[in-house]
Amino acid sequence: QVQLVESGGGLVQAGSSLRLSCAYSERTRSAQAMGWFRQAPGKEREFVAAISRSGIGTPYADSVKGRFTISRDNAKNTVYLQMNSLKPEDTAVYYCAAGPYSTTSPDPYHYWGQGTQVTVSS
């Protein structure tokens, strides 16, 4: 039922780095885009980054530009989110998603992972 599995979250201090990974199944191999979203308690789900099937198109949220980098390895069915210079406001559950095209909206994404918790202390 679950098509994607995130890993790599944890508790870290501000200024440190984490790399999230998302392994996806055969059903999502032909997806045209992968995205990362996050949600903190009491807040709406927020777009973080996305990547096209080719890996060329990589939109980012303004809040993470220059700090986060999204990448993918299609042969390994894996997408990554490298997070540097982490801030307490980055604390959230991070979800990966697969869909037909790159977009900042979560609506077109058909497949979602279970999420991984990222907590950044001051």
Protein backbone atom coordinates (compact mmCIF):
# COMPACT_ATOMS: atom_id res chain seq x y z
CA GLN A 1 0.00 0.00 0.00
CA VAL A 2 2.79 2.42 0.95
CA GLN A 3 4.84 3.19 -2.13
CA LEU A 4 7.57 5.40 -0.64
CA VAL A 5 9.67 5.14 2.52
CA GLU A 6 11.58 8.08 4.00
CA SER A 7 14.61 7.78 6.24
CA GLY A 8 17.38 9.94 7.67
CA GLY A 9 15.48 12.17 10.06
CA GLY A 10 16.54 12.82 13.62
CA LEU A 11 17.32 15.33 16.35
CA VAL A 12 20.15 17.75 15.58
CA GLN A 13 21.45 21.13 16.68
CA ALA A 14 20.96 24.31 14.70
CA GLY A 15 23.62 24.75 12.04
CA SER A 16 24.11 21.03 11.46
CA SER A 17 23.17 18.91 8.45
CA LEU A 18 21.00 15.93 7.61
CA ARG A 19 20.36 13.97 4.45
CA LEU A 20 16.93 12.49 3.95
CA SER A 21 16.38 9.56 1.60
CA CYS A 22 13.21 8.31 -0.02
CA ALA A 23 13.10 4.88 -1.60
CA TYR A 24 10.19 4.29 -3.94
CA SER A 25 8.65 1.15 -5.40
CA GLU A 26 8.33 -0.12 -8.98
CA ARG A 27 4.89 1.46 -9.20
CA THR A 28 6.43 4.94 -9.02
CA ARG A 29 9.40 4.32 -11.32
CA SER A 30 7.73 6.14 -14.22
CA ALA A 31 6.78 9.18 -12.15
CA GLN A 32 7.73 12.45 -13.79
CA ALA A 33 8.62 14.22 -10.58
CA MET A 34 9.43 13.73 -6.91
CA GLY A 35 8.78 16.24 -4.19
CA TRP A 36 9.55 16.91 -0.55
CA PHE A 37 6.97 18.50 1.73
CA ARG A 38 6.94 19.17 5.45
CA GLN A 39 4.35 19.76 8.12
CA ALA A 40 4.78 21.08 11.65
CA PRO A 41 2.09 20.61 14.34
CA GLY A 42 -0.72 23.10 13.90
CA LYS A 43 0.55 24.25 10.51
CA GLU A 44 -0.41 23.49 6.93
CA ARG A 45 1.63 21.18 4.75
CA GLU A 46 4.43 23.18 3.12
CA PHE A 47 6.30 22.67 -0.12
CA VAL A 48 10.06 22.23 0.29
CA ALA A 49 11.57 21.09 -3.02
CA ALA A 50 10.82 19.08 -6.13
CA ILE A 51 12.76 17.45 -8.94
CA SER A 52 11.79 16.46 -12.46
CA ARG A 53 12.34 12.98 -13.85
CA SER A 54 15.50 14.12 -15.60
CA GLY A 55 16.80 15.84 -12.49
CA ILE A 56 17.16 19.19 -14.25
CA GLY A 57 14.13 21.03 -12.93
CA THR A 58 14.49 21.65 -9.20
CA PRO A 59 12.20 24.29 -7.69
CA TYR A 60 12.73 25.18 -4.03
CA ALA A 61 10.76 27.02 -1.41
CA ASP A 62 12.23 30.44 -0.66
CA SER A 63 12.77 29.44 2.96
CA VAL A 64 15.23 26.68 2.02
CA LYS A 65 17.01 28.07 -1.05
CA GLY A 66 20.76 27.96 -0.63
CA ARG A 67 20.51 25.50 2.25
CA PHE A 68 18.70 22.42 0.88
CA THR A 69 19.50 20.41 -2.24
CA ILE A 70 17.26 17.81 -3.85
CA SER A 71 18.66 15.06 -6.06
CA ARG A 72 17.68 11.66 -7.38
CA ASP A 73 19.14 8.39 -8.58
CA ASN A 74 16.63 6.77 -10.91
CA ALA A 75 18.63 3.54 -11.14
CA LYS A 76 18.34 3.14 -7.37
CA ASN A 77 14.75 4.40 -7.18
CA THR A 78 15.80 6.93 -4.57
CA VAL A 79 15.42 10.68 -4.07
CA TYR A 80 17.47 12.67 -1.57
CA LEU A 81 17.15 15.92 0.33
CA GLN A 82 20.44 17.30 1.61
CA MET A 83 19.70 19.80 4.38
CA ASN A 84 22.47 22.14 5.54
CA SER A 85 22.51 25.01 8.03
CA LEU A 86 19.42 23.68 9.72
CA LYS A 87 17.29 26.06 11.77
CA PRO A 88 14.75 25.40 14.52
CA GLU A 89 12.01 26.51 12.12
CA ASP A 90 12.91 23.54 9.90
CA THR A 91 11.46 21.24 12.56
CA ALA A 92 8.67 19.20 10.98
CA VAL A 93 7.67 15.84 9.64
CA TYR A 94 9.13 15.54 6.15
CA TYR A 95 7.26 13.64 3.45
CA CYS A 96 8.37 12.56 0.01
CA ALA A 97 5.88 12.24 -2.82
CA ALA A 98 5.76 11.04 -6.41
CA GLY A 99 3.65 12.52 -9.16
CA PRO A 100 3.32 13.17 -12.88
CA TYR A 101 5.14 16.52 -12.96
CA SER A 102 7.06 18.99 -10.85
CA THR A 103 4.86 21.39 -8.91
CA THR A 104 4.79 23.23 -5.61
CA SER A 105 1.24 22.05 -4.95
CA PRO A 106 0.76 18.71 -3.19
CA ASP A 107 -2.45 17.92 -5.06
CA PRO A 108 -1.01 16.30 -8.23
CA TYR A 109 1.20 13.89 -6.28
CA HIS A 110 -0.37 10.43 -6.17
CA TYR A 111 2.02 8.58 -3.87
CA TRP A 112 3.21 9.62 -0.42
CA GLY A 113 5.60 8.23 2.15
CA GLN A 114 4.88 7.86 5.85
CA GLY A 115 7.11 10.76 6.84
CA THR A 116 10.28 11.17 8.88
CA GLN A 117 10.68 13.51 11.84
CA VAL A 118 13.30 16.26 11.74
CA THR A 119 13.84 18.18 14.96
CA VAL A 120 16.32 21.06 15.18
CA SER A 121 17.24 22.41 18.59
CA SER A 122 18.59 25.90 19.23
